[in-house]
Structure formats: structure tokens, C-alpha cells
Amino acid sequence: MKPTVQLRSSLTQSERLQVICLLDNAFGDNIFSSNTRTAFFSGYHSSFPNFVLLYSNHDLAGVAVIGKRSIRMMQTSLDALTIGPLAIEPRFQKLGLSRLLMEGIDDLAAELGASVAYLVGTPGFYRRYKYYPLLSRSKLAFNTHDFYSMGKVKLHPFEERYLPDMMNLFQQNSQLYSCASSRTTDDWEWLTRYARNTYYFFQPMLVIANKQVVGYFCSDPREPGRFRESVHAIDKVGTGLFLNGIAEHSVRTNLSSVEIMTAAGSPLHKHLKLEGDAIFTEIIQSNGGQLMKIFDYDRIATKVISPAGLSLSIDSHGKQVTLALSPSAGELKGTPETLFDIAYLPGVLSGYLSCHTADGRGTAHPSQVDTLLRQAHLKSPFIYQGDNY
């Protein structure tokens, strides 16, 4: 019997146990199975197929857990799929079955009308399925005793009454960036009700000053000193108070140093460059890390690129992209156009990748794409979300 793929919005109890077992076997620990069990098997109800199951005969050979999100890219919103965890049962690995699982994800994207999908992947493997680098893994690291005092703050675990303040802060932050998830009320309910003890939104802690929420942060279930999501008031005073909250949390939990996932040029990054002694690290993998696949290039060209005053064209072989100022760009000035490999387009759209010469014919100077993006007033990538949920 040929291997088959099923798209499912709900699983039986037996199937859930099989998924948990598969994830444990594939990853060697229970981090992904426990997250899946807590976030998706405990009251979560999907209106769309959010499990891609791969069967070999009657055995579960692979699984992909899918989320559907709307993300902002440049000046528009796109329907996107988040992928993960994704795994093949070890005894079925290296048999070519991963291709069928990835094709199942493509089928689901077509069914749901998604323009893009993104995941975190190992270098090299997902390139064959046209997933290319989207974001760097950027972080600030600093010693907590270096903070100066800007006023007293209180720390408070998440409570429902604080959710409107958290939502408002998130919206203020996300408007500054490209690739930010446009979280709906349902998204927030899922995060705060079902995902609060998973790596999607792990144990959110609020920072309160003068009876106002000035920020919140979520740590990492395996690395207590690493904050996967940090959202705060973006003015100088609010940022300083938020950092005081980080320092207070660190004292309580005996952390001498912390890492916060954030982008170059973010309010937090700018603040600490001026006021603190922090080390900024940007991990850029040429074909791994945070990856994106574009399903609908026409929509990207007309809905994302064009409103930014640029035009996008792809060669007949589907391998190279030309990014140029559009005739309607008006006051925009700069390099007329630049050519690069299609694999770099997601990174260019997110704002973190400069131009890379595609081949011998690519004559673009490394600064040309940067010039075009600055001229079009595009935003920095939104790094500090827990896997972009």
C-alpha cells in the first residue's frame, strides 16, 4: 500500500497518543510532545485542518502541526501557515517520505489560500522544498546587575484582567516591524489559555509601574534566562521600567545574565546601546534557521511589493528576481533595479538580508537592495515572537 497523507482538524485519542510517541522518538526528549499535548490537545478547536498526518500502511510515519496566522509584511497582511513541530518517525526516515509530508503541507496551503508558510529548520534540508531564509536569530545579552534604577516596578503573573493592556502593547510594537503576526482575539485566547505553559507563550510575566502595565515577557521552558517574547512600552521611560522588571525577575530567579530575542534597531536595542552594556548577536544562516516558502509570488508582487513603491519580476526559470523602483514611486530615488537569487527574496521582504549576487550575471552592489528598501520606508523584521505566534 502506498504511503498516504491526511489533513485533519481533530484527532482521536489513539491518534493523539501516536503523535506524542512519534514526536518523542523523533526528537529524543519530550519538549515538542509536551508542547503539542498542552497547546493542541487540551481544549483547542480548529476550524481548519491543523494536522498533516503521513501514514505508511497503517503506521503513523510523520506529522506536521500547523497554525494559521495573518502576518504583516511591509504594508499589507498575508495569510500564512506556521509549521511545527514537524517530524518523521525514525524508522521511516531516509526513505523519501518527507517529500510526501511537505507536499501535504503545500496542499493544505492551497486549500486555505495561504500566500506563505514559515518554519524553523536545520541548514540545507528544507531548501529542496523551496523554504529559504526569512529572519536572523537576533538577541541582546547582558548582565542584570548593570541596570540603573528608573523607578519601582512590580511583577505579576498573567491574569485575564491584564490581557487588554498586553494586546495594546503588542499592537504598538508590531506596527513597527515587518513579519509581525496580527494576533486576533482568538489567537490571544489560545496563547493565554492553552499555550501558557508551552514554548509558544511560556509563563508570561507582567511588569507594572504606577498601576500601568509597561511590558510583559515570556521565558523559555529549557533556558530560564532566555526571553522568547518581550513586549514593552516603546518610549524611553517605559523601556527603562521594563528592564527594571527584567532585573527584578532575575534577582528573584537567581539569573546573573539574560538573553532577549530582539531585532537590530528595535527600541530595546537602541535603549541598551545608549544606556547599558549589552552584547548584540545576530545569527544569520545561509540556508537554515527561520525559513519561509512563498506560494503566491503574484500576490507578493501586487499586494506587498507594489504598495511600497517597488516592482518585482521573476525570470522564466523561476530562479532570479529583479527588484526595482516602480514608475509610480514618485519621490523615491535610488538605484533603478537590482538582481538576486530567488532564495533571498524572503529575507529581503523581512528586511534583514542585503542583496546577494545570484551568479556571474548578477552585477548588483551589496548596498543596492538596502537602498531600495530604505527608499521605500520598509520596516525591520519582528524577531521577538515565540515562533511568530
Protein backbone atom coordinates (compact mmCIF):
# COMPACT_ATOMS: atom_id res chain seq x y z
CA MET A 1 0.00 0.00 0.00
CA LYS A 2 1.34 3.43 -0.95
CA PRO A 3 2.03 5.99 1.79
CA THR A 4 -0.88 8.41 2.23
CA VAL A 5 -1.30 11.92 3.65
CA GLN A 6 -4.33 13.05 5.62
CA LEU A 7 -5.29 16.63 6.56
CA ARG A 8 -7.13 16.62 9.88
CA SER A 9 -8.70 19.23 12.17
CA SER A 10 -9.12 16.81 15.07
CA LEU A 11 -7.58 13.55 16.21
CA THR A 12 -8.90 10.55 18.09
CA GLN A 13 -7.39 9.71 21.46
CA SER A 14 -5.47 6.85 19.84
CA GLU A 15 -4.09 9.16 17.14
CA ARG A 16 -3.05 11.71 19.74
CA LEU A 17 -1.06 9.06 21.58
CA GLN A 18 0.60 8.02 18.32
CA VAL A 19 1.56 11.66 17.58
CA ILE A 20 3.04 12.09 21.06
CA CYS A 21 5.03 8.87 20.72
CA LEU A 22 6.30 9.86 17.27
CA LEU A 23 7.48 13.28 18.47
CA ASP A 24 9.27 11.76 21.47
CA ASN A 25 11.00 9.21 19.25
CA ALA A 26 11.97 11.76 16.60
CA PHE A 27 13.41 14.43 18.91
CA GLY A 28 14.76 12.32 21.76
CA ASP A 29 13.03 14.30 24.50
CA ASN A 30 9.52 15.38 25.38
CA ILE A 31 9.74 19.13 24.73
CA PHE A 32 7.78 19.00 21.48
CA SER A 33 5.31 16.34 22.58
CA SER A 34 4.52 18.14 25.84
CA ASN A 35 4.01 21.43 23.99
CA THR A 36 1.72 19.75 21.47
CA ARG A 37 -0.23 17.94 24.16
CA THR A 38 -0.76 21.12 26.20
CA ALA A 39 -1.34 23.62 23.39
CA PHE A 40 -3.35 21.50 20.95
CA PHE A 41 -4.86 18.53 22.81
CA SER A 42 -6.39 20.36 25.77
CA GLY A 43 -9.43 22.19 24.52
CA TYR A 44 -8.00 23.65 21.32
CA HIS A 45 -10.52 23.51 18.47
CA SER A 46 -9.56 24.32 14.91
CA SER A 47 -11.88 25.39 12.11
CA PHE A 48 -9.32 24.16 9.57
CA PRO A 49 -7.08 21.08 9.22
CA ASN A 50 -4.14 21.79 11.51
CA PHE A 51 -2.58 18.33 11.46
CA VAL A 52 -0.86 16.83 8.44
CA LEU A 53 -0.53 13.09 9.04
CA LEU A 54 1.62 10.77 6.92
CA TYR A 55 0.82 7.06 7.01
CA SER A 56 2.84 4.13 5.73
CA ASN A 57 0.33 1.29 5.53
CA HIS A 58 -1.45 1.71 8.87
CA ASP A 59 1.53 3.15 10.77
CA LEU A 60 1.88 6.86 11.52
CA ALA A 61 5.14 7.78 9.79
CA GLY A 62 5.13 11.57 10.02
CA VAL A 63 3.30 14.57 11.41
CA ALA A 64 3.26 18.34 10.98
CA VAL A 65 1.36 20.61 13.37
CA ILE A 66 0.03 23.68 11.57
CA GLY A 67 -1.14 27.09 12.72
CA LYS A 68 -2.87 29.69 10.57
CA ARG A 69 -1.90 33.31 11.08
CA SER A 70 -2.18 36.69 9.43
CA ILE A 71 1.20 38.39 9.29
CA ARG A 72 2.12 41.92 8.30
CA MET A 73 4.72 42.17 5.58
CA MET A 74 5.73 45.68 4.61
CA GLN A 75 2.39 47.47 4.26
CA THR A 76 -0.10 44.63 3.91
CA SER A 77 -1.35 41.47 5.63
CA LEU A 78 -0.86 37.96 4.32
CA ASP A 79 -2.43 34.65 5.28
CA ALA A 80 0.37 32.40 6.48
CA LEU A 81 0.89 28.91 7.84
CA THR A 82 3.16 28.30 10.82
CA ILE A 83 4.69 24.84 10.77
CA GLY A 84 5.98 22.97 13.79
CA PRO A 85 6.66 20.64 15.27
CA LEU A 86 7.29 18.57 12.16
CA ALA A 87 8.83 15.10 12.28
CA ILE A 88 9.27 11.72 10.63
CA GLU A 89 9.26 8.60 12.82
CA PRO A 90 12.95 7.48 12.96
CA ARG A 91 12.31 4.02 11.45
CA PHE A 92 10.72 5.73 8.41
CA GLN A 93 13.46 8.31 7.92
CA LYS A 94 15.67 8.36 4.83
CA LEU A 95 13.00 6.62 2.76
CA GLY A 96 11.88 9.70 0.85
CA LEU A 97 8.69 10.11 2.89
CA SER A 98 9.47 13.68 3.96
CA ARG A 99 8.63 14.79 0.43
CA LEU A 100 5.08 13.46 0.84
CA LEU A 101 4.68 15.23 4.18
CA MET A 102 5.86 18.55 2.70
CA GLU A 103 3.54 18.07 -0.28
CA GLY A 104 0.70 17.58 2.19
CA ILE A 105 1.57 20.97 3.73
CA ASP A 106 1.53 22.51 0.25
CA ASP A 107 -1.92 21.02 -0.34
CA LEU A 108 -3.16 22.49 2.92
CA ALA A 109 -1.74 25.91 1.99
CA ALA A 110 -3.64 25.76 -1.30
CA GLU A 111 -6.84 24.69 0.49
CA LEU A 112 -6.58 27.59 2.96
CA GLY A 113 -5.39 30.18 0.43
CA ALA A 114 -2.15 30.88 2.30
CA SER A 115 0.41 33.02 0.47
CA VAL A 116 3.40 31.91 2.57
CA ALA A 117 4.45 29.34 5.19
CA TYR A 118 7.29 29.53 7.66
CA LEU A 119 9.18 27.21 10.00
CA VAL A 120 12.43 26.83 11.92
CA GLY A 121 14.62 24.30 10.15
CA THR A 122 18.06 22.75 10.01
CA PRO A 123 20.52 24.10 7.42
CA GLY A 124 20.15 22.64 3.96
CA PHE A 125 17.27 20.21 4.43
CA TYR A 126 14.29 22.44 3.62
CA ARG A 127 15.89 24.24 0.67
CA ARG A 128 14.88 21.31 -1.56
CA TYR A 129 11.27 22.18 -0.73
CA LYS A 130 11.84 25.90 -1.54
CA TYR A 131 11.99 27.16 2.04
CA TYR A 132 14.50 29.99 2.20
CA PRO A 133 15.93 32.20 4.99
CA LEU A 134 13.48 34.72 6.40
CA LEU A 135 14.89 36.12 9.64
CA SER A 136 18.08 36.16 11.62
CA ARG A 137 18.11 34.86 15.16
CA SER A 138 18.94 38.10 16.94
CA LYS A 139 19.41 38.64 20.66
CA LEU A 140 20.67 41.01 23.31
CA ALA A 141 22.70 39.54 26.16
CA PHE A 142 23.59 41.49 29.29
CA ASN A 143 24.32 41.23 33.00
CA THR A 144 21.28 42.14 35.04
CA HIS A 145 23.29 43.99 37.72
CA ASP A 146 24.20 46.64 35.12
CA PHE A 147 20.71 48.17 35.16
CA TYR A 148 20.18 51.56 36.70
CA SER A 149 17.00 52.43 38.55
CA MET A 150 14.22 54.38 36.84
CA GLY A 151 11.54 53.74 39.44
CA LYS A 152 9.92 50.90 41.27
CA VAL A 153 8.11 48.18 39.36
CA LYS A 154 6.01 45.20 40.33
CA LEU A 155 6.00 41.80 38.69
CA HIS A 156 2.74 39.94 38.27
CA PRO A 157 1.96 36.58 36.64
CA PHE A 158 -0.59 36.73 33.85
CA GLU A 159 -4.19 37.37 34.81
CA GLU A 160 -7.14 37.82 32.47
CA ARG A 161 -7.71 41.40 33.62
CA TYR A 162 -4.35 42.44 32.15
CA LEU A 163 -4.98 40.97 28.70
CA PRO A 164 -6.31 44.21 27.07
CA ASP A 165 -3.13 46.03 28.14
CA MET A 166 -0.96 43.25 26.75
CA MET A 167 -2.84 43.26 23.47
CA ASN A 168 -2.44 47.03 23.17
CA LEU A 169 1.31 46.90 23.83
CA PHE A 170 1.73 44.10 21.31
CA GLN A 171 -0.13 46.07 18.65
CA GLN A 172 2.02 49.16 19.26
CA ASN A 173 5.19 47.09 18.88
CA SER A 174 4.08 45.03 15.90
CA GLN A 175 3.28 48.15 13.87
CA LEU A 176 7.00 48.97 13.87
CA TYR A 177 8.02 45.79 12.07
CA SER A 178 7.62 43.55 9.07
CA CYS A 179 6.66 39.87 9.56
CA ALA A 180 4.66 40.60 12.72
CA SER A 181 1.70 38.37 13.46
CA SER A 182 -1.64 40.23 13.52
CA ARG A 183 -2.98 38.49 16.58
CA THR A 184 -6.73 38.19 16.77
CA THR A 185 -8.80 37.82 19.93
CA ASP A 186 -8.91 34.07 19.23
CA ASP A 187 -5.11 34.00 18.91
CA TRP A 188 -4.74 35.67 22.28
CA GLU A 189 -7.25 33.32 23.87
CA TRP A 190 -5.27 30.35 22.57
CA LEU A 191 -1.96 31.78 23.77
CA THR A 192 -3.16 32.69 27.24
CA ARG A 193 -5.47 29.72 27.84
CA TYR A 194 -3.88 26.71 26.11
CA ALA A 195 -0.30 27.73 25.27
CA ARG A 196 0.69 29.45 28.51
CA ASN A 197 2.86 26.56 29.67
CA THR A 198 4.39 25.83 26.28
CA TYR A 199 7.24 27.41 24.38
CA TYR A 200 4.71 29.39 22.31
CA PHE A 201 3.90 31.64 25.28
CA PHE A 202 5.70 30.28 28.32
CA GLN A 203 4.68 31.65 31.72
CA PRO A 204 4.09 35.31 30.77
CA MET A 205 5.11 37.80 33.46
CA LEU A 206 3.86 41.38 33.52
CA VAL A 207 5.85 44.45 34.53
CA ILE A 208 3.68 47.05 36.25
CA ALA A 209 4.65 50.61 37.18
CA ASN A 210 2.32 53.21 38.68
CA LYS A 211 -0.54 50.73 38.26
CA GLN A 212 0.11 50.60 34.50
CA VAL A 213 1.34 47.60 32.51
CA VAL A 214 4.59 48.73 30.88
CA GLY A 215 5.51 45.35 29.40
CA TYR A 216 5.46 41.58 29.61
CA PHE A 217 7.92 38.82 28.85
CA CYS A 218 7.84 35.06 28.27
CA SER A 219 10.79 32.87 29.11
CA ASP A 220 11.96 29.59 27.59
CA PRO A 221 10.98 26.26 29.20
CA ARG A 222 14.52 24.94 28.79
CA GLU A 223 16.52 28.17 29.23
CA PRO A 224 15.15 30.34 32.07
CA GLY A 225 17.45 33.24 31.17
CA ARG A 226 16.26 33.42 27.57
CA PHE A 227 13.16 35.50 26.84
CA ARG A 228 11.41 34.33 23.70
CA GLU A 229 8.94 37.21 23.61
CA SER A 230 9.39 40.63 25.19
CA VAL A 231 6.93 43.44 24.54
CA HIS A 232 7.03 46.79 26.29
CA ALA A 233 6.17 50.47 26.10
CA ILE A 234 8.45 51.86 23.40
CA ASP A 235 9.25 55.25 24.95
CA LYS A 236 12.48 55.73 26.92
CA VAL A 237 10.87 55.70 30.37
CA GLY A 238 8.69 52.68 29.58
CA THR A 239 11.65 50.75 28.17
CA GLY A 240 13.73 51.54 31.26
CA LEU A 241 10.97 50.43 33.60
CA PHE A 242 10.56 47.22 31.61
CA LEU A 243 14.28 46.48 32.01
CA ASN A 244 13.95 47.10 35.73
CA GLY A 245 11.28 44.40 35.69
CA ILE A 246 13.69 42.05 33.91
CA ALA A 247 16.32 42.84 36.57
CA GLU A 248 13.84 42.21 39.41
CA HIS A 249 12.80 38.90 37.86
CA SER A 250 16.46 37.93 37.51
CA VAL A 251 17.13 38.62 41.19
CA ARG A 252 14.15 36.51 42.20
CA THR A 253 15.22 33.62 39.99
CA ASN A 254 19.00 33.88 40.57
CA LEU A 255 19.84 34.81 36.98
CA SER A 256 23.09 36.73 36.57
CA SER A 257 22.56 37.34 32.86
CA VAL A 258 19.71 37.19 30.37
CA GLU A 259 19.10 37.00 26.64
CA ILE A 260 16.23 38.79 24.94
CA MET A 261 15.23 37.96 21.37
CA THR A 262 15.00 41.29 19.56
CA ALA A 263 15.95 42.91 16.27
CA ALA A 264 18.72 45.35 15.43
CA GLY A 265 17.26 48.84 15.71
CA SER A 266 14.41 47.78 18.00
CA PRO A 267 13.53 50.20 20.83
CA LEU A 268 15.17 47.82 23.30
CA HIS A 269 18.32 47.56 21.20
CA LYS A 270 18.59 51.34 20.80
CA HIS A 271 17.98 51.92 24.52
CA LEU A 272 20.66 49.50 25.67
CA LYS A 273 23.20 50.86 23.20
CA LEU A 274 22.83 54.25 24.85
CA GLU A 275 22.12 53.33 28.46
CA GLY A 276 23.58 49.90 29.12
CA ASP A 277 26.38 47.48 28.39
CA ALA A 278 24.76 44.81 26.25
CA ILE A 279 26.10 42.49 23.57
CA PHE A 280 24.03 42.19 20.40
CA THR A 281 24.33 38.96 18.43
CA GLU A 282 22.78 38.25 15.05
CA ILE A 283 22.91 34.66 13.84
CA ILE A 284 22.38 34.50 10.10
CA GLN A 285 22.30 31.09 8.44
CA SER A 286 22.57 30.99 4.68
CA ASN A 287 20.07 28.13 4.32
CA GLY A 288 18.74 27.34 7.80
CA GLY A 289 17.10 28.92 10.81
CA GLN A 290 13.83 30.81 10.36
CA LEU A 291 12.66 29.87 6.86
CA MET A 292 9.78 30.86 4.59
CA LYS A 293 8.20 29.41 1.48
CA ILE A 294 6.30 31.69 -0.88
CA PHE A 295 3.33 30.02 -2.59
CA ASP A 296 1.88 33.04 -4.37
CA TYR A 297 4.51 35.27 -5.97
CA ASP A 298 1.88 37.25 -7.87
CA ARG A 299 0.18 38.26 -4.65
CA ILE A 300 3.52 39.20 -3.11
CA ALA A 301 4.28 41.37 -6.14
CA THR A 302 0.91 43.13 -6.29
CA LYS A 303 -0.09 43.34 -2.61
CA VAL A 304 3.27 43.63 -0.84
CA ILE A 305 5.91 44.98 -3.22
CA SER A 306 3.84 47.40 -5.29
CA PRO A 307 2.37 49.45 -2.40
CA ALA A 308 5.94 50.03 -1.19
CA GLY A 309 6.82 51.80 -4.46
CA LEU A 310 8.70 48.83 -5.88
CA SER A 311 8.13 46.26 -8.61
CA LEU A 312 9.04 42.59 -8.65
CA SER A 313 9.65 40.29 -11.61
CA ILE A 314 10.86 36.69 -11.80
CA ASP A 315 12.78 35.20 -14.71
CA SER A 316 11.29 32.46 -16.87
CA HIS A 317 13.24 29.78 -14.99
CA GLY A 318 11.89 30.90 -11.62
CA LYS A 319 15.38 31.31 -10.20
CA GLN A 320 16.14 35.03 -10.19
CA VAL A 321 14.30 38.11 -9.01
CA THR A 322 14.51 41.69 -10.20
CA LEU A 323 13.53 44.29 -7.62
CA ALA A 324 13.12 47.80 -8.97
CA LEU A 325 11.61 51.18 -8.28
CA SER A 326 8.14 51.24 -9.82
CA PRO A 327 7.15 54.03 -12.23
CA SER A 328 4.66 55.25 -9.62
CA ALA A 329 7.30 55.55 -6.91
CA GLY A 330 7.03 59.33 -7.08
CA GLU A 331 9.62 60.99 -4.87
CA LEU A 332 11.55 57.77 -4.33
CA LYS A 333 15.07 57.95 -5.68
CA GLY A 334 17.89 55.47 -5.82
CA THR A 335 19.26 52.54 -7.77
CA PRO A 336 16.76 51.72 -10.56
CA GLU A 337 16.86 47.95 -10.08
CA THR A 338 18.84 45.05 -8.70
CA LEU A 339 19.02 41.32 -9.46
CA PHE A 340 19.36 38.48 -6.97
CA ASP A 341 18.63 34.79 -6.47
CA ILE A 342 15.00 33.96 -5.63
CA ALA A 343 16.20 32.19 -2.48
CA TYR A 344 16.97 35.60 -0.95
CA LEU A 345 13.52 37.08 -1.51
CA PRO A 346 12.02 36.12 1.90
CA GLY A 347 14.99 37.68 3.67
CA VAL A 348 14.73 40.81 1.58
CA LEU A 349 10.99 41.08 2.32
CA SER A 350 11.59 40.73 6.06
CA GLY A 351 14.22 43.47 5.95
CA TYR A 352 17.21 41.58 7.32
CA LEU A 353 19.01 40.36 4.19
CA SER A 354 21.08 42.53 1.91
CA CYS A 355 21.45 41.70 -1.75
CA HIS A 356 23.45 38.62 -2.71
CA THR A 357 24.82 38.25 -6.22
CA ALA A 358 22.98 35.40 -7.91
CA ASP A 359 25.63 34.27 -10.36
CA GLY A 360 28.09 35.62 -12.92
CA ARG A 361 25.35 37.74 -14.46
CA GLY A 362 24.39 39.30 -11.12
CA THR A 363 26.09 42.67 -11.01
CA ALA A 364 24.20 44.18 -8.07
CA HIS A 365 26.25 46.04 -5.49
CA PRO A 366 25.58 44.72 -1.95
CA SER A 367 24.02 48.03 -0.90
CA GLN A 368 21.50 48.30 -3.73
CA VAL A 369 18.68 46.35 -2.12
CA ASP A 370 19.27 48.18 1.15
CA THR A 371 18.98 51.47 -0.73
CA LEU A 372 15.73 50.42 -2.36
CA LEU A 373 14.25 49.23 0.92
CA ARG A 374 15.21 52.41 2.75
CA GLN A 375 13.75 54.48 -0.05
CA ALA A 376 10.50 52.52 0.27
CA HIS A 377 10.41 53.07 4.05
CA LEU A 378 10.20 49.36 4.79
CA LYS A 379 10.30 48.07 8.35
CA SER A 380 12.71 45.93 10.33
CA PRO A 381 11.79 42.27 10.93
CA PHE A 382 9.81 41.37 14.04
CA ILE A 383 12.10 38.93 15.82
CA TYR A 384 10.91 38.53 19.35
CA GLN A 385 7.79 36.44 18.95
CA GLY A 386 7.66 32.87 20.09
CA ASP A 387 7.92 31.22 16.67
CA ASN A 388 5.74 34.03 15.32
CA TYR A 389 2.54 33.08 17.11
